[in-house]
Amino acid sequence: MYFLEILKEMDNRHQDEIEILYAEANELLSIVVASIKTLRNREDQR
């Protein structure tokens, strides 16, 4: 996601598209983190 922040600062013409991509990346990251937490909780219960 860091590269999207850099790209956003460098390219003013595509701000809207970059913000959409940033939001999508953030949502995907949240899903991955939640999945890892779920897996760890299941492993701890065994």
PDB file of N, CA and C in Angstrom:
ATOM      1  N   MET A   1       0.814  -1.180   0.000  1.00  0.00           N
ATOM      2  CA  MET A   1       0.000   0.000   0.000  1.00  0.00           C
ATOM      3  C   MET A   1       0.869   1.260   0.000  1.00  0.00           C
ATOM      4  N   TYR A   2       2.083   1.093   0.456  1.00  0.00           N
ATOM      5  CA  TYR A   2       2.986   2.235   0.483  1.00  0.00           C
ATOM      6  C   TYR A   2       3.217   2.779  -0.922  1.00  0.00           C
ATOM      7  N   PHE A   3       3.340   1.860  -1.885  1.00  0.00           N
ATOM      8  CA  PHE A   3       3.583   2.319  -3.257  1.00  0.00           C
ATOM      9  C   PHE A   3       2.392   3.107  -3.798  1.00  0.00           C
ATOM     10  N   LEU A   4       1.187   2.812  -3.346  1.00  0.00           N
ATOM     11  CA  LEU A   4       0.023   3.588  -3.778  1.00  0.00           C
ATOM     12  C   LEU A   4       0.085   5.010  -3.219  1.00  0.00           C
ATOM     13  N   GLU A   5       0.574   5.139  -1.998  1.00  0.00           N
ATOM     14  CA  GLU A   5       0.723   6.473  -1.422  1.00  0.00           C
ATOM     15  C   GLU A   5       1.747   7.289  -2.208  1.00  0.00           C
ATOM     16  N   ILE A   6       2.847   6.649  -2.570  1.00  0.00           N
ATOM     17  CA  ILE A   6       3.871   7.338  -3.360  1.00  0.00           C
ATOM     18  C   ILE A   6       3.313   7.719  -4.728  1.00  0.00           C
ATOM     19  N   LEU A   7       2.630   6.783  -5.354  1.00  0.00           N
ATOM     20  CA  LEU A   7       2.048   7.048  -6.668  1.00  0.00           C
ATOM     21  C   LEU A   7       1.039   8.192  -6.605  1.00  0.00           C
ATOM     22  N   LYS A   8       0.265   8.229  -5.547  1.00  0.00           N
ATOM     23  CA  LYS A   8      -0.725   9.291  -5.376  1.00  0.00           C
ATOM     24  C   LYS A   8      -0.065  10.661  -5.282  1.00  0.00           C
ATOM     25  N   GLU A   9       1.077  10.714  -4.602  1.00  0.00           N
ATOM     26  CA  GLU A   9       1.796  11.980  -4.479  1.00  0.00           C
ATOM     27  C   GLU A   9       2.450  12.392  -5.795  1.00  0.00           C
ATOM     28  N   MET A  10       2.835  11.420  -6.598  1.00  0.00           N
ATOM     29  CA  MET A  10       3.546  11.722  -7.834  1.00  0.00           C
ATOM     30  C   MET A  10       2.620  12.028  -9.006  1.00  0.00           C
ATOM     31  N   ASP A  11       1.429  11.443  -8.996  1.00  0.00           N
ATOM     32  CA  ASP A  11       0.535  11.555 -10.152  1.00  0.00           C
ATOM     33  C   ASP A  11      -0.789  12.188  -9.729  1.00  0.00           C
ATOM     34  N   ASN A  12      -0.960  13.450 -10.013  1.00  0.00           N
ATOM     35  CA  ASN A  12      -2.176  14.159  -9.623  1.00  0.00           C
ATOM     36  C   ASN A  12      -3.344  13.892 -10.560  1.00  0.00           C
ATOM     37  N   ARG A  13      -3.070  13.350 -11.722  1.00  0.00           N
ATOM     38  CA  ARG A  13      -4.137  13.141 -12.706  1.00  0.00           C
ATOM     39  C   ARG A  13      -5.065  11.989 -12.352  1.00  0.00           C
ATOM     40  N   HIS A  14      -4.575  11.033 -11.583  1.00  0.00           N
ATOM     41  CA  HIS A  14      -5.347   9.814 -11.319  1.00  0.00           C
ATOM     42  C   HIS A  14      -5.657   9.635  -9.832  1.00  0.00           C
ATOM     43  N   GLN A  15      -5.888  10.715  -9.140  1.00  0.00           N
ATOM     44  CA  GLN A  15      -6.139  10.674  -7.704  1.00  0.00           C
ATOM     45  C   GLN A  15      -7.322   9.768  -7.349  1.00  0.00           C
ATOM     46  N   ASP A  16      -8.426   9.913  -8.076  1.00  0.00           N
ATOM     47  CA  ASP A  16      -9.635   9.138  -7.768  1.00  0.00           C
ATOM     48  C   ASP A  16      -9.400   7.642  -7.918  1.00  0.00           C
ATOM     49  N   GLU A  17      -8.737   7.253  -9.002  1.00  0.00           N
ATOM     50  CA  GLU A  17      -8.479   5.836  -9.238  1.00  0.00           C
ATOM     51  C   GLU A  17      -7.542   5.253  -8.181  1.00  0.00           C
ATOM     52  N   ILE A  18      -6.553   6.033  -7.809  1.00  0.00           N
ATOM     53  CA  ILE A  18      -5.605   5.564  -6.803  1.00  0.00           C
ATOM     54  C   ILE A  18      -6.293   5.413  -5.446  1.00  0.00           C
ATOM     55  N   GLU A  19      -7.181   6.332  -5.118  1.00  0.00           N
ATOM     56  CA  GLU A  19      -7.922   6.228  -3.853  1.00  0.00           C
ATOM     57  C   GLU A  19      -8.799   4.984  -3.828  1.00  0.00           C
ATOM     58  N   ILE A  20      -9.398   4.641  -4.951  1.00  0.00           N
ATOM     59  CA  ILE A  20     -10.211   3.424  -5.041  1.00  0.00           C
ATOM     60  C   ILE A  20      -9.329   2.191  -4.831  1.00  0.00           C
ATOM     61  N   LEU A  21      -8.180   2.163  -5.496  1.00  0.00           N
ATOM     62  CA  LEU A  21      -7.254   1.043  -5.332  1.00  0.00           C
ATOM     63  C   LEU A  21      -6.750   0.941  -3.891  1.00  0.00           C
ATOM     64  N   TYR A  22      -6.490   2.080  -3.280  1.00  0.00           N
ATOM     65  CA  TYR A  22      -6.026   2.101  -1.893  1.00  0.00           C
ATOM     66  C   TYR A  22      -7.093   1.513  -0.963  1.00  0.00           C
ATOM     67  N   ALA A  23      -8.338   1.886  -1.184  1.00  0.00           N
ATOM     68  CA  ALA A  23      -9.437   1.363  -0.368  1.00  0.00           C
ATOM     69  C   ALA A  23      -9.575  -0.144  -0.554  1.00  0.00           C
ATOM     70  N   GLU A  24      -9.466  -0.612  -1.784  1.00  0.00           N
ATOM     71  CA  GLU A  24      -9.549  -2.048  -2.054  1.00  0.00           C
ATOM     72  C   GLU A  24      -8.404  -2.792  -1.380  1.00  0.00           C
ATOM     73  N   ALA A  25      -7.211  -2.250  -1.477  1.00  0.00           N
ATOM     74  CA  ALA A  25      -6.051  -2.883  -0.850  1.00  0.00           C
ATOM     75  C   ALA A  25      -6.220  -2.936   0.662  1.00  0.00           C
ATOM     76  N   ASN A  26      -6.766  -1.897   1.226  1.00  0.00           N
ATOM     77  CA  ASN A  26      -7.008  -1.863   2.668  1.00  0.00           C
ATOM     78  C   ASN A  26      -8.030  -2.921   3.075  1.00  0.00           C
ATOM     79  N   GLU A  27      -9.078  -3.092   2.283  1.00  0.00           N
ATOM     80  CA  GLU A  27     -10.074  -4.115   2.572  1.00  0.00           C
ATOM     81  C   GLU A  27      -9.479  -5.515   2.476  1.00  0.00           C
ATOM     82  N   LEU A  28      -8.663  -5.746   1.452  1.00  0.00           N
ATOM     83  CA  LEU A  28      -8.017  -7.050   1.313  1.00  0.00           C
ATOM     84  C   LEU A  28      -7.074  -7.329   2.475  1.00  0.00           C
ATOM     85  N   LEU A  29      -6.340  -6.314   2.891  1.00  0.00           N
ATOM     86  CA  LEU A  29      -5.452  -6.475   4.032  1.00  0.00           C
ATOM     87  C   LEU A  29      -6.241  -6.820   5.292  1.00  0.00           C
ATOM     88  N   SER A  30      -7.369  -6.183   5.482  1.00  0.00           N
ATOM     89  CA  SER A  30      -8.220  -6.470   6.645  1.00  0.00           C
ATOM     90  C   SER A  30      -8.722  -7.909   6.619  1.00  0.00           C
ATOM     91  N   ILE A  31      -9.084  -8.398   5.455  1.00  0.00           N
ATOM     92  CA  ILE A  31      -9.553  -9.777   5.317  1.00  0.00           C
ATOM     93  C   ILE A  31      -8.436 -10.757   5.653  1.00  0.00           C
ATOM     94  N   VAL A  32      -7.241 -10.492   5.154  1.00  0.00           N
ATOM     95  CA  VAL A  32      -6.101 -11.371   5.422  1.00  0.00           C
ATOM     96  C   VAL A  32      -5.777 -11.382   6.908  1.00  0.00           C
ATOM     97  N   VAL A  33      -5.761 -10.225   7.538  1.00  0.00           N
ATOM     98  CA  VAL A  33      -5.460 -10.142   8.969  1.00  0.00           C
ATOM     99  C   VAL A  33      -6.524 -10.887   9.777  1.00  0.00           C
ATOM    100  N   ALA A  34      -7.782 -10.724   9.426  1.00  0.00           N
ATOM    101  CA  ALA A  34      -8.855 -11.429  10.129  1.00  0.00           C
ATOM    102  C   ALA A  34      -8.712 -12.938   9.958  1.00  0.00           C
ATOM    103  N   SER A  35      -8.329 -13.384   8.778  1.00  0.00           N
ATOM    104  CA  SER A  35      -8.130 -14.813   8.534  1.00  0.00           C
ATOM    105  C   SER A  35      -6.981 -15.363   9.376  1.00  0.00           C
ATOM    106  N   ILE A  36      -5.903 -14.616   9.464  1.00  0.00           N
ATOM    107  CA  ILE A  36      -4.765 -15.050  10.281  1.00  0.00           C
ATOM    108  C   ILE A  36      -5.166 -15.134  11.750  1.00  0.00           C
ATOM    109  N   LYS A  37      -5.906 -14.149  12.225  1.00  0.00           N
ATOM    110  CA  LYS A  37      -6.359 -14.171  13.626  1.00  0.00           C
ATOM    111  C   LYS A  37      -7.256 -15.366  13.886  1.00  0.00           C
ATOM    112  N   THR A  38      -8.157 -15.644  12.951  1.00  0.00           N
ATOM    113  CA  THR A  38      -9.050 -16.795  13.099  1.00  0.00           C
ATOM    114  C   THR A  38      -8.259 -18.088  13.154  1.00  0.00           C
ATOM    115  N   LEU A  39      -7.292 -18.242  12.281  1.00  0.00           N
ATOM    116  CA  LEU A  39      -6.458 -19.441  12.261  1.00  0.00           C
ATOM    117  C   LEU A  39      -5.701 -19.600  13.572  1.00  0.00           C
ATOM    118  N   ARG A  40      -5.129 -18.522  14.076  1.00  0.00           N
ATOM    119  CA  ARG A  40      -4.393 -18.576  15.334  1.00  0.00           C
ATOM    120  C   ARG A  40      -5.305 -18.940  16.503  1.00  0.00           C
ATOM    121  N   ASN A  41      -6.522 -18.386  16.499  1.00  0.00           N
ATOM    122  CA  ASN A  41      -7.477 -18.712  17.581  1.00  0.00           C
ATOM    123  C   ASN A  41      -7.863 -20.193  17.530  1.00  0.00           C
ATOM    124  N   ARG A  42      -8.045 -20.717  16.348  1.00  0.00           N
ATOM    125  CA  ARG A  42      -8.394 -22.142  16.207  1.00  0.00           C
ATOM    126  C   ARG A  42      -7.244 -23.026  16.663  1.00  0.00           C
ATOM    127  N   GLU A  43      -6.015 -22.628  16.340  1.00  0.00           N
ATOM    128  CA  GLU A  43      -4.859 -23.403  16.766  1.00  0.00           C
ATOM    129  C   GLU A  43      -4.707 -23.367  18.291  1.00  0.00           C
ATOM    130  N   ASP A  44      -5.009 -22.228  18.903  1.00  0.00           N
ATOM    131  CA  ASP A  44      -4.898 -22.112  20.363  1.00  0.00           C
ATOM    132  C   ASP A  44      -5.950 -22.945  21.073  1.00  0.00           C
ATOM    133  N   GLN A  45      -7.090 -23.184  20.442  1.00  0.00           N
ATOM    134  CA  GLN A  45      -8.168 -23.954  21.063  1.00  0.00           C
ATOM    135  C   GLN A  45      -7.875 -25.451  21.051  1.00  0.00           C
ATOM    136  N   ARG A  46      -6.944 -25.883  20.253  1.00  0.00           N
ATOM    137  CA  ARG A  46      -6.631 -27.328  20.170  1.00  0.00           C
ATOM    138  C   ARG A  46      -5.701 -27.743  21.250  1.00  0.00           C
TER     139      ARG A  46
END
